[in-house]
Amino acid sequence: MLLAAVAGSLVFALAPGMAGLAAGRMLIGAGVSVCLGAAIQALSMWFPLSRMPLLNGVVMAIGGLGAVLVGTPLSWLLSVADWRMVSAGLAGVTFAMAVLLWFGVPDKPRSGKESLREQLRGTRQILASERFWRVVPLTLLNQGVFLAVQTLWVGAFLRDVGGFGPATSARLVSVIGIAMMAGCVGSGWAARHLERAGISLYAFAGAGMTAFIVVQVLLLAQVPLPPVLLWAAYGVFGSSGILTYAVLARSFPDALIGRATTALTLTVFLATFACQVGVGFVLDLWPASGGHYPTEAHLVAWSGLVVLQALAAAWYAMGARRPPLIGGGFSKCQAVRETVPSRDTGGIRDRRITALPPDGSA
């Protein structure tokens, strides 16, 4: 799939017009869409579930390097090369990563291969589970809003609402990226230790995503706090949604973890696109002057996103008292909790699900 991203980067670099740019962007999106789900699936195969919040956070932090690079480093790079050269360079780097993954990453032996029918049945189990749909709305809005703003609209907001110049805006964009990386790793580390104190991963993830809503309200209210502090908090709490991937990993059998996380990732990508388009649509309701939109336009657009997140947070909170493992999502199966000693977890045990036939026979 990464080769599709390579092709997309080359198409983007060589595109003569908007159609080519759109096609290149689509290929890039298709190529990288499976990366997060594949990484989480690989981690679940090689490491105990109790370490998933931290390891998922590390994966997201590494991915967050791209968000850091679109700030000041990219501004500098564009001063010595044009965007077509940058896109072609990304194609080369992506191809090198694809080769490294193909030849350098070992495959874990499998006990058996699922048939297409079994794979489809597993997918239906995921989509029919109450826990999946309890987690999805807030996660997709948390990640969708954060990524939409970070990748497209934060610059306009900083310029039109904050009144910052290009250099300061680029530095703040980098601050968001660095803070997101720190938040991914820090929240994963904190989640593991808080669970030992009796605070569930589900509750901790919800608290982080709720804090993200609060930060957005502070930005909209233009409270007199240092911009670096507010945008750093935006980056830290904007990464909270990654914790719900570990919540889902504990809610399904090992064979379904990859599909569950990929399904969640797909909703996040769709939400990101919808938020990007939605914000643009709202901004266009006001006349632009010299490429700038009035402050009111940004506040209305962001307020709508905050309201949606608040509603999703209420839905998420309604499931806080439910057990972290799903039983009702397995059609014609029983979800059996199994407590097994984990590796390198300091005595913490992992909870896994084994899908058994209704009569309990193996």
Protein backbone atom coordinates (compact mmCIF):
# COMPACT_ATOMS: atom_id res chain seq x y z
CA MET A 1 0.00 0.00 0.00
CA LEU A 2 2.91 2.35 0.59
CA LEU A 3 3.75 2.02 -3.09
CA ALA A 4 0.39 3.66 -3.81
CA ALA A 5 1.54 6.56 -1.63
CA VAL A 6 4.81 6.68 -3.61
CA ALA A 7 2.82 6.85 -6.85
CA GLY A 8 0.58 9.53 -5.37
CA SER A 9 3.53 11.68 -4.35
CA LEU A 10 4.96 11.45 -7.86
CA VAL A 11 1.60 12.25 -9.45
CA PHE A 12 1.27 15.22 -7.10
CA ALA A 13 4.79 16.43 -7.98
CA LEU A 14 4.18 16.18 -11.73
CA ALA A 15 0.52 17.30 -11.79
CA PRO A 16 -0.21 20.02 -14.37
CA GLY A 17 -3.48 21.06 -12.76
CA MET A 18 -6.03 20.59 -10.00
CA ALA A 19 -7.23 17.21 -11.30
CA GLY A 20 -3.74 15.78 -11.06
CA LEU A 21 -3.23 17.22 -7.60
CA ALA A 22 -6.50 15.68 -6.41
CA ALA A 23 -5.58 12.30 -7.90
CA GLY A 24 -2.18 12.40 -6.25
CA ARG A 25 -3.70 13.32 -2.91
CA MET A 26 -6.18 10.46 -3.22
CA LEU A 27 -3.43 7.94 -3.94
CA ILE A 28 -1.38 9.20 -1.01
CA GLY A 29 -4.38 8.89 1.30
CA ALA A 30 -5.15 5.37 0.07
CA GLY A 31 -1.55 4.31 0.47
CA VAL A 32 -1.08 5.50 4.03
CA SER A 33 -4.60 4.70 5.25
CA VAL A 34 -3.63 1.23 6.46
CA CYS A 35 -0.41 2.25 8.17
CA LEU A 36 -1.82 2.98 11.61
CA GLY A 37 -4.05 -0.09 11.68
CA ALA A 38 -1.17 -2.29 10.51
CA ALA A 39 1.16 -0.90 13.17
CA ILE A 40 -1.36 -1.43 15.96
CA GLN A 41 -2.09 -4.95 14.74
CA ALA A 42 1.63 -5.75 14.70
CA LEU A 43 2.06 -4.40 18.24
CA SER A 44 -0.88 -6.48 19.49
CA MET A 45 0.75 -9.60 18.02
CA TRP A 46 4.16 -9.09 19.58
CA PHE A 47 3.47 -7.30 22.89
CA PRO A 48 1.10 -7.77 25.85
CA LEU A 49 -2.08 -5.69 25.82
CA SER A 50 -1.13 -3.85 29.02
CA ARG A 51 1.64 -2.11 27.07
CA MET A 52 -0.56 -1.09 24.14
CA PRO A 53 -1.42 2.47 25.32
CA LEU A 54 2.27 3.41 25.55
CA LEU A 55 3.31 1.60 22.37
CA ASN A 56 0.41 3.07 20.38
CA GLY A 57 1.44 6.47 21.68
CA VAL A 58 5.01 5.94 20.50
CA VAL A 59 3.73 5.02 17.03
CA MET A 60 1.61 8.16 16.91
CA ALA A 61 4.50 10.26 18.20
CA ILE A 62 6.71 9.00 15.39
CA GLY A 63 3.94 9.79 12.93
CA GLY A 64 3.70 13.22 14.54
CA LEU A 65 7.15 14.07 13.23
CA GLY A 66 5.39 14.91 9.98
CA ALA A 67 3.27 17.48 11.78
CA VAL A 68 6.42 19.06 13.19
CA LEU A 69 8.05 19.15 9.77
CA VAL A 70 5.15 21.05 8.17
CA GLY A 71 5.96 24.01 10.41
CA THR A 72 9.29 25.85 10.45
CA PRO A 73 11.36 23.06 8.75
CA LEU A 74 9.04 22.95 5.73
CA SER A 75 9.01 26.74 5.52
CA TRP A 76 12.81 26.67 5.36
CA LEU A 77 12.84 23.84 2.82
CA LEU A 78 10.44 25.70 0.54
CA SER A 79 12.86 28.63 0.55
CA VAL A 80 15.51 26.48 -1.18
CA ALA A 81 13.26 24.12 -3.21
CA ASP A 82 9.82 24.28 -4.76
CA TRP A 83 6.87 22.14 -3.67
CA ARG A 84 7.26 19.77 -6.61
CA MET A 85 10.77 18.85 -5.54
CA VAL A 86 9.56 18.35 -1.98
CA SER A 87 6.80 16.00 -3.18
CA ALA A 88 9.27 14.02 -5.29
CA GLY A 89 11.59 13.77 -2.28
CA LEU A 90 8.73 12.41 -0.17
CA ALA A 91 8.14 9.75 -2.83
CA GLY A 92 11.76 8.63 -2.49
CA VAL A 93 11.62 8.52 1.31
CA THR A 94 8.33 6.59 1.25
CA PHE A 95 9.75 4.05 -1.20
CA ALA A 96 12.76 3.52 1.04
CA MET A 97 10.44 2.89 4.02
CA ALA A 98 8.41 0.39 1.97
CA VAL A 99 11.57 -1.55 1.07
CA LEU A 100 12.72 -1.49 4.69
CA LEU A 101 9.38 -2.85 5.93
CA TRP A 102 9.22 -5.57 3.29
CA PHE A 103 12.72 -6.94 3.90
CA GLY A 104 13.44 -5.88 7.47
CA VAL A 105 10.32 -6.60 9.52
CA PRO A 106 9.76 -10.27 10.47
CA ASP A 107 6.37 -11.92 10.17
CA LYS A 108 4.98 -13.74 13.18
CA PRO A 109 4.04 -17.35 12.37
CA ARG A 110 0.28 -17.90 12.19
CA SER A 111 -1.51 -20.99 13.39
CA GLY A 112 -4.01 -20.83 10.54
CA LYS A 113 -5.47 -18.62 7.84
CA GLU A 114 -9.01 -17.31 7.97
CA SER A 115 -11.28 -17.85 5.01
CA LEU A 116 -12.99 -14.89 3.37
CA ARG A 117 -16.25 -15.93 5.00
CA GLU A 118 -14.64 -15.95 8.44
CA GLN A 119 -13.09 -12.53 7.80
CA LEU A 120 -16.45 -11.09 6.80
CA ARG A 121 -18.08 -12.61 9.87
CA GLY A 122 -15.43 -11.00 12.06
CA THR A 123 -16.03 -7.63 10.43
CA ARG A 124 -19.75 -7.94 11.07
CA GLN A 125 -19.01 -8.71 14.71
CA ILE A 126 -17.05 -5.48 14.99
CA LEU A 127 -19.71 -3.34 13.32
CA ALA A 128 -22.44 -4.92 15.44
CA SER A 129 -20.69 -4.31 18.76
CA GLU A 130 -22.04 -1.67 21.12
CA ARG A 131 -18.59 -0.80 22.48
CA PHE A 132 -17.27 0.05 19.01
CA TRP A 133 -20.03 2.56 18.39
CA ARG A 134 -19.72 3.90 21.92
CA VAL A 135 -16.08 4.76 21.29
CA VAL A 136 -16.22 5.86 17.66
CA PRO A 137 -18.12 9.22 17.75
CA LEU A 138 -15.88 11.03 20.24
CA THR A 139 -12.71 9.48 18.87
CA LEU A 140 -13.43 10.39 15.26
CA LEU A 141 -14.34 13.96 16.25
CA ASN A 142 -11.35 14.35 18.57
CA GLN A 143 -8.92 13.09 15.94
CA GLY A 144 -10.83 14.46 12.96
CA VAL A 145 -11.00 18.00 14.34
CA PHE A 146 -7.40 17.95 15.52
CA LEU A 147 -6.04 16.66 12.22
CA ALA A 148 -8.27 18.90 10.09
CA VAL A 149 -7.18 21.99 11.97
CA GLN A 150 -3.54 20.99 12.22
CA THR A 151 -3.18 20.08 8.56
CA LEU A 152 -5.28 22.82 6.95
CA TRP A 153 -6.94 25.49 9.06
CA VAL A 154 -4.65 26.31 11.97
CA GLY A 155 -2.59 28.71 9.87
CA ALA A 156 -5.66 30.72 8.86
CA PHE A 157 -6.90 30.77 12.47
CA LEU A 158 -3.55 31.98 13.79
CA ARG A 159 -3.40 34.67 11.12
CA ASP A 160 -7.00 35.89 11.13
CA VAL A 161 -7.96 35.43 14.79
CA GLY A 162 -4.62 35.53 16.58
CA GLY A 163 -3.11 38.20 14.35
CA PHE A 164 0.23 36.36 14.06
CA GLY A 165 2.65 36.73 11.18
CA PRO A 166 3.93 33.86 9.01
CA ALA A 167 7.05 33.18 11.08
CA THR A 168 5.22 33.08 14.42
CA SER A 169 2.44 30.97 12.94
CA ALA A 170 4.96 28.46 11.61
CA ARG A 171 6.60 28.21 15.04
CA LEU A 172 3.24 27.63 16.72
CA VAL A 173 2.39 24.91 14.18
CA SER A 174 5.65 23.19 15.13
CA VAL A 175 4.76 23.61 18.82
CA ILE A 176 1.47 21.80 18.19
CA GLY A 177 3.30 18.94 16.50
CA ILE A 178 5.91 18.60 19.26
CA ALA A 179 3.22 18.79 21.94
CA MET A 180 1.21 16.12 20.14
CA MET A 181 4.23 13.81 20.15
CA ALA A 182 4.78 14.43 23.85
CA GLY A 183 1.09 13.89 24.53
CA CYS A 184 1.01 10.57 22.69
CA VAL A 185 3.91 9.12 24.67
CA GLY A 186 3.00 10.81 27.95
CA SER A 187 -0.65 9.74 27.89
CA GLY A 188 0.32 6.16 27.11
CA TRP A 189 2.77 6.09 30.01
CA ALA A 190 0.28 7.75 32.36
CA ALA A 191 -2.55 5.41 31.34
CA ARG A 192 -0.57 2.33 32.32
CA HIS A 193 0.28 3.73 35.75
CA LEU A 194 -3.21 5.10 36.39
CA GLU A 195 -4.71 1.70 35.67
CA ARG A 196 -2.67 0.35 38.56
CA ALA A 197 -4.39 2.98 40.71
CA GLY A 198 -7.82 1.81 39.56
CA ILE A 199 -8.53 4.42 36.84
CA SER A 200 -9.70 2.69 33.68
CA LEU A 201 -8.20 3.35 30.29
CA TYR A 202 -11.69 4.15 28.98
CA ALA A 203 -12.17 6.88 31.62
CA PHE A 204 -8.68 8.33 31.14
CA ALA A 205 -9.12 8.54 27.37
CA GLY A 206 -12.47 10.26 27.84
CA ALA A 207 -10.95 12.77 30.26
CA GLY A 208 -8.22 13.65 27.77
CA MET A 209 -10.64 14.14 24.89
CA THR A 210 -12.87 16.27 27.13
CA ALA A 211 -9.86 18.39 28.07
CA PHE A 212 -9.30 18.94 24.34
CA ILE A 213 -12.79 20.41 24.12
CA VAL A 214 -12.01 22.74 27.03
CA VAL A 215 -8.82 23.95 25.33
CA GLN A 216 -10.79 24.80 22.19
CA VAL A 217 -13.26 26.80 24.27
CA LEU A 218 -10.36 28.75 25.78
CA LEU A 219 -9.02 29.49 22.31
CA LEU A 220 -12.42 30.65 21.10
CA ALA A 221 -12.83 32.83 24.20
CA GLN A 222 -9.38 34.32 23.48
CA VAL A 223 -8.41 34.07 27.14
CA PRO A 224 -5.29 36.11 28.04
CA LEU A 225 -2.88 33.15 28.31
CA PRO A 226 0.43 32.72 26.46
CA PRO A 227 -0.29 31.41 22.94
CA VAL A 228 2.49 28.85 23.25
CA LEU A 229 0.83 27.39 26.35
CA LEU A 230 -2.63 27.20 24.76
CA TRP A 231 -1.44 25.66 21.50
CA ALA A 232 0.83 23.23 23.33
CA ALA A 233 -2.22 22.11 25.34
CA TYR A 234 -4.11 21.81 22.05
CA GLY A 235 -1.44 19.42 20.78
CA VAL A 236 -1.19 17.40 24.01
CA PHE A 237 -4.91 16.77 24.44
CA GLY A 238 -5.57 16.53 20.72
CA SER A 239 -3.67 13.26 20.83
CA SER A 240 -5.93 11.72 23.49
CA GLY A 241 -8.01 9.83 20.96
CA ILE A 242 -5.14 7.42 20.31
CA LEU A 243 -5.89 5.80 23.68
CA THR A 244 -9.19 4.45 22.41
CA TYR A 245 -7.29 2.20 20.01
CA ALA A 246 -6.02 0.34 23.07
CA VAL A 247 -9.58 0.29 24.44
CA LEU A 248 -10.74 -1.48 21.28
CA ALA A 249 -7.72 -3.80 21.33
CA ARG A 250 -8.94 -5.10 24.70
CA SER A 251 -12.47 -5.46 23.42
CA PHE A 252 -11.96 -7.95 20.62
CA PRO A 253 -10.17 -11.24 19.99
CA ASP A 254 -6.61 -10.92 18.71
CA ALA A 255 -7.65 -11.85 15.17
CA LEU A 256 -10.06 -8.89 15.00
CA ILE A 257 -7.86 -6.17 16.51
CA GLY A 258 -6.41 -5.11 13.17
CA ARG A 259 -9.83 -4.85 11.53
CA ALA A 260 -11.30 -2.97 14.50
CA THR A 261 -8.50 -0.41 14.53
CA THR A 262 -8.58 -0.06 10.74
CA ALA A 263 -12.33 0.55 10.87
CA LEU A 264 -11.76 3.22 13.52
CA THR A 265 -8.96 4.77 11.46
CA LEU A 266 -11.25 4.90 8.43
CA THR A 267 -13.85 6.84 10.40
CA VAL A 268 -11.12 9.23 11.56
CA PHE A 269 -9.98 9.89 8.00
CA LEU A 270 -13.56 10.47 6.87
CA ALA A 271 -14.14 12.81 9.82
CA THR A 272 -10.93 14.71 9.02
CA PHE A 273 -12.06 15.24 5.44
CA ALA A 274 -15.54 16.25 6.57
CA CYS A 275 -14.15 18.75 9.09
CA GLN A 276 -11.79 20.23 6.51
CA VAL A 277 -14.61 20.71 4.03
CA GLY A 278 -17.08 21.81 6.70
CA VAL A 279 -14.84 24.53 8.08
CA GLY A 280 -14.14 25.77 4.57
CA PHE A 281 -17.86 25.84 3.78
CA VAL A 282 -18.64 27.90 6.89
CA LEU A 283 -15.77 30.32 6.26
CA ASP A 284 -16.98 30.89 2.71
CA LEU A 285 -20.29 32.17 4.09
CA TRP A 286 -18.36 35.38 4.90
CA PRO A 287 -16.61 37.49 2.26
CA ALA A 288 -12.84 37.11 2.30
CA SER A 289 -10.60 40.16 2.03
CA GLY A 290 -7.12 39.63 0.69
CA GLY A 291 -7.28 35.93 1.54
CA HIS A 292 -8.32 36.67 5.13
CA TYR A 293 -11.63 35.72 6.76
CA PRO A 294 -13.24 37.74 9.54
CA THR A 295 -12.76 36.54 13.10
CA GLU A 296 -16.47 35.85 13.40
CA ALA A 297 -16.30 33.27 10.59
CA HIS A 298 -13.61 31.24 12.37
CA LEU A 299 -15.41 31.43 15.70
CA VAL A 300 -18.67 30.14 14.21
CA ALA A 301 -16.91 27.27 12.41
CA TRP A 302 -14.94 26.21 15.48
CA SER A 303 -17.97 26.58 17.76
CA GLY A 304 -19.87 24.11 15.61
CA LEU A 305 -17.04 21.58 15.99
CA VAL A 306 -16.99 22.11 19.75
CA VAL A 307 -20.73 21.47 20.02
CA LEU A 308 -20.42 18.21 18.07
CA GLN A 309 -17.56 17.07 20.30
CA ALA A 310 -19.52 17.92 23.45
CA LEU A 311 -22.46 15.81 22.28
CA ALA A 312 -20.13 12.92 21.45
CA ALA A 313 -18.48 13.26 24.87
CA ALA A 314 -21.87 12.86 26.55
CA TRP A 315 -22.51 9.69 24.51
CA TYR A 316 -19.06 8.37 25.42
CA ALA A 317 -19.59 9.08 29.12
CA MET A 318 -22.77 6.99 29.10
CA GLY A 319 -20.62 3.92 28.49
CA ALA A 320 -18.09 4.61 31.24
CA ARG A 321 -19.62 2.11 33.65
CA ARG A 322 -19.75 -0.72 31.15
CA PRO A 323 -17.09 -3.46 31.26
CA PRO A 324 -14.13 -3.00 28.90
CA LEU A 325 -14.74 -6.26 27.10
CA ILE A 326 -17.50 -6.92 24.62
CA GLY A 327 -19.80 -9.87 24.78
CA GLY A 328 -22.76 -8.77 22.69
CA GLY A 329 -20.69 -8.05 19.60
CA PHE A 330 -19.90 -11.72 18.94
CA SER A 331 -22.72 -13.31 17.02
CA LYS A 332 -23.14 -17.02 17.80
CA CYS A 333 -20.12 -16.85 20.08
CA GLN A 334 -19.40 -16.38 23.73
CA ALA A 335 -16.87 -13.77 24.86
CA VAL A 336 -14.74 -15.42 27.51
CA ARG A 337 -12.41 -13.36 29.67
CA GLU A 338 -9.07 -14.98 30.13
CA THR A 339 -6.53 -13.70 32.62
CA VAL A 340 -3.02 -14.66 31.64
CA PRO A 341 0.40 -13.62 32.94
CA SER A 342 1.94 -10.99 30.68
CA ARG A 343 5.53 -10.41 29.74
CA ASP A 344 7.49 -7.49 31.12
CA THR A 345 4.52 -5.81 32.74
CA GLY A 346 5.66 -5.69 36.32
CA GLY A 347 3.08 -8.17 37.52
CA ILE A 348 0.15 -6.68 35.58
CA ARG A 349 -1.96 -9.27 33.81
CA ASP A 350 -3.55 -8.98 30.41
CA ARG A 351 -7.20 -9.55 29.66
CA ARG A 352 -7.92 -11.18 26.34
CA ILE A 353 -11.02 -12.52 24.66
CA THR A 354 -11.35 -15.99 23.23
CA ALA A 355 -14.33 -16.57 20.95
CA LEU A 356 -15.94 -19.93 21.69
CA PRO A 357 -18.99 -21.66 20.21
CA PRO A 358 -22.25 -21.21 22.15
CA ASP A 359 -21.94 -24.62 23.78
CA GLY A 360 -18.51 -23.78 25.13
CA SER A 361 -16.73 -26.47 23.16
CA ALA A 362 -13.35 -25.70 21.76
